[in-house]
PDB file of N, CA and C in Angstrom:
ATOM      1  N   MET A   1      45.837 -14.308  11.764  1.00  0.00           N
ATOM      2  CA  MET A   1      44.462 -14.329  12.203  1.00  0.00           C
ATOM      3  C   MET A   1      43.805 -12.966  12.010  1.00  0.00           C
ATOM      4  N   THR A   2      44.526 -11.898  12.295  1.00  0.00           N
ATOM      5  CA  THR A   2      43.983 -10.558  12.127  1.00  0.00           C
ATOM      6  C   THR A   2      43.687 -10.290  10.655  1.00  0.00           C
ATOM      7  N   LYS A   3      44.533 -10.796   9.784  1.00  0.00           N
ATOM      8  CA  LYS A   3      44.318 -10.610   8.350  1.00  0.00           C
ATOM      9  C   LYS A   3      43.032 -11.307   7.907  1.00  0.00           C
ATOM     10  N   GLU A   4      42.770 -12.490   8.451  1.00  0.00           N
ATOM     11  CA  GLU A   4      41.550 -13.218   8.113  1.00  0.00           C
ATOM     12  C   GLU A   4      40.311 -12.445   8.568  1.00  0.00           C
ATOM     13  N   ILE A   5      40.382 -11.876   9.748  1.00  0.00           N
ATOM     14  CA  ILE A   5      39.256 -11.097  10.275  1.00  0.00           C
ATOM     15  C   ILE A   5      39.016  -9.883   9.392  1.00  0.00           C
ATOM     16  N   LEU A   6      40.067  -9.197   9.006  1.00  0.00           N
ATOM     17  CA  LEU A   6      39.915  -8.026   8.142  1.00  0.00           C
ATOM     18  C   LEU A   6      39.332  -8.408   6.782  1.00  0.00           C
ATOM     19  N   GLU A   7      39.757  -9.554   6.241  1.00  0.00           N
ATOM     20  CA  GLU A   7      39.206 -10.012   4.967  1.00  0.00           C
ATOM     21  C   GLU A   7      37.714 -10.309   5.106  1.00  0.00           C
ATOM     22  N   ARG A   8      37.342 -10.951   6.210  1.00  0.00           N
ATOM     23  CA  ARG A   8      35.921 -11.255   6.444  1.00  0.00           C
ATOM     24  C   ARG A   8      35.118  -9.970   6.588  1.00  0.00           C
ATOM     25  N   LEU A   9      35.656  -8.994   7.308  1.00  0.00           N
ATOM     26  CA  LEU A   9      34.963  -7.722   7.477  1.00  0.00           C
ATOM     27  C   LEU A   9      34.800  -7.001   6.135  1.00  0.00           C
ATOM     28  N   THR A  10      35.810  -7.088   5.289  1.00  0.00           N
ATOM     29  CA  THR A  10      35.740  -6.481   3.962  1.00  0.00           C
ATOM     30  C   THR A  10      34.632  -7.135   3.151  1.00  0.00           C
ATOM     31  N   GLU A  11      34.549  -8.451   3.211  1.00  0.00           N
ATOM     32  CA  GLU A  11      33.494  -9.177   2.492  1.00  0.00           C
ATOM     33  C   GLU A  11      32.113  -8.787   3.022  1.00  0.00           C
ATOM     34  N   ILE A  12      32.001  -8.678   4.327  1.00  0.00           N
ATOM     35  CA  ILE A  12      30.723  -8.290   4.931  1.00  0.00           C
ATOM     36  C   ILE A  12      30.333  -6.890   4.487  1.00  0.00           C
ATOM     37  N   GLU A  13      31.273  -5.985   4.439  1.00  0.00           N
ATOM     38  CA  GLU A  13      30.992  -4.620   3.994  1.00  0.00           C
ATOM     39  C   GLU A  13      30.532  -4.591   2.542  1.00  0.00           C
ATOM     40  N   LYS A  14      31.126  -5.444   1.707  1.00  0.00           N
ATOM     41  CA  LYS A  14      30.696  -5.528   0.306  1.00  0.00           C
ATOM     42  C   LYS A  14      29.250  -5.998   0.224  1.00  0.00           C
ATOM     43  N   HIS A  15      28.934  -7.025   1.003  1.00  0.00           N
ATOM     44  CA  HIS A  15      27.562  -7.537   1.016  1.00  0.00           C
ATOM     45  C   HIS A  15      26.583  -6.476   1.518  1.00  0.00           C
ATOM     46  N   LEU A  16      26.975  -5.760   2.551  1.00  0.00           N
ATOM     47  CA  LEU A  16      26.107  -4.715   3.089  1.00  0.00           C
ATOM     48  C   LEU A  16      25.845  -3.619   2.058  1.00  0.00           C
ATOM     49  N   ALA A  17      26.846  -3.275   1.277  1.00  0.00           N
ATOM     50  CA  ALA A  17      26.668  -2.260   0.246  1.00  0.00           C
ATOM     51  C   ALA A  17      25.639  -2.729  -0.790  1.00  0.00           C
ATOM     52  N   VAL A  18      25.737  -3.989  -1.180  1.00  0.00           N
ATOM     53  CA  VAL A  18      24.772  -4.543  -2.140  1.00  0.00           C
ATOM     54  C   VAL A  18      23.385  -4.576  -1.517  1.00  0.00           C
ATOM     55  N   TYR A  19      23.277  -4.999  -0.270  1.00  0.00           N
ATOM     56  CA  TYR A  19      21.983  -5.069   0.397  1.00  0.00           C
ATOM     57  C   TYR A  19      21.360  -3.680   0.524  1.00  0.00           C
ATOM     58  N   ASN A  20      22.168  -2.676   0.793  1.00  0.00           N
ATOM     59  CA  ASN A  20      21.643  -1.319   0.897  1.00  0.00           C
ATOM     60  C   ASN A  20      21.089  -0.836  -0.438  1.00  0.00           C
ATOM     61  N   GLN A  21      21.760  -1.150  -1.530  1.00  0.00           N
ATOM     62  CA  GLN A  21      21.252  -0.780  -2.848  1.00  0.00           C
ATOM     63  C   GLN A  21      19.932  -1.484  -3.134  1.00  0.00           C
ATOM     64  N   GLN A  22      19.858  -2.755  -2.803  1.00  0.00           N
ATOM     65  CA  GLN A  22      18.617  -3.500  -3.023  1.00  0.00           C
ATOM     66  C   GLN A  22      17.494  -2.953  -2.154  1.00  0.00           C
ATOM     67  N   LEU A  23      17.817  -2.574  -0.934  1.00  0.00           N
ATOM     68  CA  LEU A  23      16.823  -2.011  -0.032  1.00  0.00           C
ATOM     69  C   LEU A  23      16.289  -0.689  -0.573  1.00  0.00           C
ATOM     70  N   GLU A  24      17.153   0.169  -1.086  1.00  0.00           N
ATOM     71  CA  GLU A  24      16.714   1.437  -1.669  1.00  0.00           C
ATOM     72  C   GLU A  24      15.770   1.191  -2.840  1.00  0.00           C
ATOM     73  N   TYR A  25      16.094   0.207  -3.678  1.00  0.00           N
ATOM     74  CA  TYR A  25      15.239  -0.131  -4.814  1.00  0.00           C
ATOM     75  C   TYR A  25      13.863  -0.601  -4.331  1.00  0.00           C
ATOM     76  N   HIS A  26      13.837  -1.450  -3.337  1.00  0.00           N
ATOM     77  CA  HIS A  26      12.569  -1.965  -2.829  1.00  0.00           C
ATOM     78  C   HIS A  26      11.759  -0.876  -2.133  1.00  0.00           C
ATOM     79  N   ILE A  27      12.411   0.047  -1.471  1.00  0.00           N
ATOM     80  CA  ILE A  27      11.705   1.159  -0.838  1.00  0.00           C
ATOM     81  C   ILE A  27      11.035   2.020  -1.904  1.00  0.00           C
ATOM     82  N   LYS A  28      11.740   2.293  -3.005  1.00  0.00           N
ATOM     83  CA  LYS A  28      11.145   3.070  -4.095  1.00  0.00           C
ATOM     84  C   LYS A  28       9.933   2.354  -4.670  1.00  0.00           C
ATOM     85  N   ARG A  29      10.064   1.045  -4.893  1.00  0.00           N
ATOM     86  CA  ARG A  29       8.934   0.266  -5.430  1.00  0.00           C
ATOM     87  C   ARG A  29       7.760   0.285  -4.466  1.00  0.00           C
ATOM     88  N   THR A  30       8.043   0.139  -3.185  1.00  0.00           N
ATOM     89  CA  THR A  30       6.980   0.151  -2.187  1.00  0.00           C
ATOM     90  C   THR A  30       6.266   1.499  -2.171  1.00  0.00           C
ATOM     91  N   ASP A  31       7.025   2.582  -2.263  1.00  0.00           N
ATOM     92  CA  ASP A  31       6.420   3.918  -2.285  1.00  0.00           C
ATOM     93  C   ASP A  31       5.509   4.077  -3.503  1.00  0.00           C
ATOM     94  N   LEU A  32       5.953   3.596  -4.655  1.00  0.00           N
ATOM     95  CA  LEU A  32       5.124   3.682  -5.856  1.00  0.00           C
ATOM     96  C   LEU A  32       3.843   2.867  -5.706  1.00  0.00           C
ATOM     97  N   LEU A  33       3.965   1.667  -5.174  1.00  0.00           N
ATOM     98  CA  LEU A  33       2.784   0.821  -4.990  1.00  0.00           C
ATOM     99  C   LEU A  33       1.814   1.421  -3.971  1.00  0.00           C
ATOM    100  N   GLU A  34       2.340   2.026  -2.918  1.00  0.00           N
ATOM    101  CA  GLU A  34       1.471   2.659  -1.927  1.00  0.00           C
ATOM    102  C   GLU A  34       0.721   3.834  -2.542  1.00  0.00           C
ATOM    103  N   ALA A  35       1.372   4.577  -3.430  1.00  0.00           N
ATOM    104  CA  ALA A  35       0.693   5.685  -4.097  1.00  0.00           C
ATOM    105  C   ALA A  35      -0.448   5.166  -4.966  1.00  0.00           C
ATOM    106  N   LYS A  36      -0.219   4.047  -5.653  1.00  0.00           N
ATOM    107  CA  LYS A  36      -1.279   3.458  -6.475  1.00  0.00           C
ATOM    108  C   LYS A  36      -2.426   2.963  -5.605  1.00  0.00           C
ATOM    109  N   VAL A  37      -2.106   2.354  -4.478  1.00  0.00           N
ATOM    110  CA  VAL A  37      -3.137   1.838  -3.586  1.00  0.00           C
ATOM    111  C   VAL A  37      -3.968   2.983  -3.020  1.00  0.00           C
ATOM    112  N   ASN A  38      -3.347   4.132  -2.758  1.00  0.00           N
ATOM    113  CA  ASN A  38      -4.101   5.274  -2.248  1.00  0.00           C
ATOM    114  C   ASN A  38      -5.173   5.701  -3.245  1.00  0.00           C
ATOM    115  N   HIS A  39      -4.862   5.678  -4.532  1.00  0.00           N
ATOM    116  CA  HIS A  39      -5.851   6.025  -5.550  1.00  0.00           C
ATOM    117  C   HIS A  39      -6.996   5.019  -5.540  1.00  0.00           C
ATOM    118  N   VAL A  40      -6.666   3.758  -5.401  1.00  0.00           N
ATOM    119  CA  VAL A  40      -7.696   2.715  -5.362  1.00  0.00           C
ATOM    120  C   VAL A  40      -8.556   2.883  -4.114  1.00  0.00           C
ATOM    121  N   ASP A  41      -7.942   3.171  -2.985  1.00  0.00           N
ATOM    122  CA  ASP A  41      -8.697   3.362  -1.751  1.00  0.00           C
ATOM    123  C   ASP A  41      -9.686   4.520  -1.875  1.00  0.00           C
ATOM    124  N   LYS A  42      -9.255   5.611  -2.494  1.00  0.00           N
ATOM    125  CA  LYS A  42     -10.149   6.761  -2.687  1.00  0.00           C
ATOM    126  C   LYS A  42     -11.332   6.369  -3.559  1.00  0.00           C
ATOM    127  N   HIS A  43     -11.066   5.607  -4.613  1.00  0.00           N
ATOM    128  CA  HIS A  43     -12.130   5.181  -5.515  1.00  0.00           C
ATOM    129  C   HIS A  43     -13.116   4.258  -4.792  1.00  0.00           C
ATOM    130  N   VAL A  44     -12.600   3.323  -4.018  1.00  0.00           N
ATOM    131  CA  VAL A  44     -13.462   2.397  -3.275  1.00  0.00           C
ATOM    132  C   VAL A  44     -14.326   3.168  -2.283  1.00  0.00           C
ATOM    133  N   THR A  45     -13.758   4.135  -1.605  1.00  0.00           N
ATOM    134  CA  THR A  45     -14.521   4.949  -0.663  1.00  0.00           C
ATOM    135  C   THR A  45     -15.635   5.704  -1.377  1.00  0.00           C
ATOM    136  N   MET A  46     -15.328   6.263  -2.544  1.00  0.00           N
ATOM    137  CA  MET A  46     -16.332   6.990  -3.311  1.00  0.00           C
ATOM    138  C   MET A  46     -17.456   6.053  -3.753  1.00  0.00           C
ATOM    139  N   VAL A  47     -17.119   4.890  -4.275  1.00  0.00           N
ATOM    140  CA  VAL A  47     -18.132   3.943  -4.734  1.00  0.00           C
ATOM    141  C   VAL A  47     -18.984   3.471  -3.554  1.00  0.00           C
ATOM    142  N   ASN A  48     -18.379   3.214  -2.421  1.00  0.00           N
ATOM    143  CA  ASN A  48     -19.141   2.819  -1.238  1.00  0.00           C
ATOM    144  C   ASN A  48     -20.118   3.914  -0.824  1.00  0.00           C
ATOM    145  N   GLY A  49     -19.690   5.165  -0.911  1.00  0.00           N
ATOM    146  CA  GLY A  49     -20.576   6.285  -0.594  1.00  0.00           C
ATOM    147  C   GLY A  49     -21.758   6.352  -1.548  1.00  0.00           C
ATOM    148  N   VAL A  50     -21.512   6.148  -2.832  1.00  0.00           N
ATOM    149  CA  VAL A  50     -22.590   6.172  -3.823  1.00  0.00           C
ATOM    150  C   VAL A  50     -23.569   5.034  -3.561  1.00  0.00           C
ATOM    151  N   ILE A  51     -23.048   3.857  -3.261  1.00  0.00           N
ATOM    152  CA  ILE A  51     -23.920   2.709  -2.989  1.00  0.00           C
ATOM    153  C   ILE A  51     -24.778   2.964  -1.751  1.00  0.00           C
ATOM    154  N   LYS A  52     -24.184   3.498  -0.696  1.00  0.00           N
ATOM    155  CA  LYS A  52     -24.953   3.808   0.515  1.00  0.00           C
ATOM    156  C   LYS A  52     -26.027   4.853   0.220  1.00  0.00           C
ATOM    157  N   PHE A  53     -25.687   5.851  -0.583  1.00  0.00           N
ATOM    158  CA  PHE A  53     -26.664   6.874  -0.955  1.00  0.00           C
ATOM    159  C   PHE A  53     -27.835   6.253  -1.704  1.00  0.00           C
ATOM    160  N   LEU A  54     -27.519   5.388  -2.682  1.00  0.00           N
ATOM    161  CA  LEU A  54     -28.578   4.746  -3.460  1.00  0.00           C
ATOM    162  C   LEU A  54     -29.428   3.812  -2.593  1.00  0.00           C
ATOM    163  N   LEU A  55     -28.812   3.112  -1.674  1.00  0.00           N
ATOM    164  CA  LEU A  55     -29.565   2.260  -0.747  1.00  0.00           C
ATOM    165  C   LEU A  55     -30.472   3.090   0.145  1.00  0.00           C
ATOM    166  N   GLY A  56     -29.980   4.218   0.574  1.00  0.00           N
ATOM    167  CA  GLY A  56     -30.795   5.122   1.396  1.00  0.00           C
ATOM    168  C   GLY A  56     -32.001   5.634   0.627  1.00  0.00           C
ATOM    169  N   ILE A  57     -31.799   6.027  -0.612  1.00  0.00           N
ATOM    170  CA  ILE A  57     -32.915   6.492  -1.443  1.00  0.00           C
ATOM    171  C   ILE A  57     -33.897   5.345  -1.680  1.00  0.00           C
ATOM    172  N   GLY A  58     -33.377   4.147  -1.928  1.00  0.00           N
ATOM    173  CA  GLY A  58     -34.245   2.984  -2.121  1.00  0.00           C
ATOM    174  C   GLY A  58     -35.059   2.675  -0.878  1.00  0.00           C
ATOM    175  N   ALA A  59     -34.432   2.749   0.284  1.00  0.00           N
ATOM    176  CA  ALA A  59     -35.148   2.500   1.536  1.00  0.00           C
ATOM    177  C   ALA A  59     -36.216   3.560   1.761  1.00  0.00           C
ATOM    178  N   LEU A  60     -35.860   4.801   1.479  1.00  0.00           N
ATOM    179  CA  LEU A  60     -36.826   5.889   1.629  1.00  0.00           C
ATOM    180  C   LEU A  60     -37.986   5.703   0.655  1.00  0.00           C
ATOM    181  N   ALA A  61     -37.710   5.345  -0.582  1.00  0.00           N
ATOM    182  CA  ALA A  61     -38.763   5.118  -1.561  1.00  0.00           C
ATOM    183  C   ALA A  61     -39.630   3.935  -1.124  1.00  0.00           C
ATOM    184  N   GLY A  62     -39.039   2.878  -0.611  1.00  0.00           N
ATOM    185  CA  GLY A  62     -39.815   1.738  -0.123  1.00  0.00           C
ATOM    186  C   GLY A  62     -40.687   2.117   1.063  1.00  0.00           C
ATOM    187  N   PHE A  63     -40.164   2.918   1.947  1.00  0.00           N
ATOM    188  CA  PHE A  63     -40.929   3.375   3.110  1.00  0.00           C
ATOM    189  C   PHE A  63     -42.112   4.234   2.671  1.00  0.00           C
ATOM    190  N   ILE A  64     -41.884   5.119   1.733  1.00  0.00           N
ATOM    191  CA  ILE A  64     -42.958   5.973   1.210  1.00  0.00           C
ATOM    192  C   ILE A  64     -43.993   5.111   0.490  1.00  0.00           C
ATOM    193  N   LYS A  65     -43.543   4.168  -0.305  1.00  0.00           N
ATOM    194  CA  LYS A  65     -44.461   3.289  -1.057  1.00  0.00           C
ATOM    195  C   LYS A  65     -45.299   2.449  -0.087  1.00  0.00           C
ATOM    196  N   LEU A  66     -44.724   2.093   1.044  1.00  0.00           N
ATOM    197  CA  LEU A  66     -45.439   1.292   2.034  1.00  0.00           C
ATOM    198  C   LEU A  66     -46.677   2.015   2.560  1.00  0.00           C
ATOM    199  N   PHE A  67     -46.560   3.311   2.770  1.00  0.00           N
ATOM    200  CA  PHE A  67     -47.656   4.060   3.370  1.00  0.00           C
ATOM    201  C   PHE A  67     -48.530   4.791   2.364  1.00  0.00           C
ATOM    202  N   LEU A  68     -48.160   4.819   1.094  1.00  0.00           N
ATOM    203  CA  LEU A  68     -48.999   5.506   0.095  1.00  0.00           C
ATOM    204  C   LEU A  68     -49.716   4.574  -0.817  1.00  0.00           C
TER     205      LEU A  68
END
């Protein structure tokens, strides 16, 4: 019975080693994807700022046109 338990533990350790390698690979991929998303987030923030600026100028021009 003890031999069976040791064999099962050995098998579990083998599986854990494989799972750890797969986890490291997925962590690297996740880090790369997060870096790409950060670039996209910066771009979206910049574009949103430009749009708000243009809307503000448009509103100001409309307000001025209203009274002139």
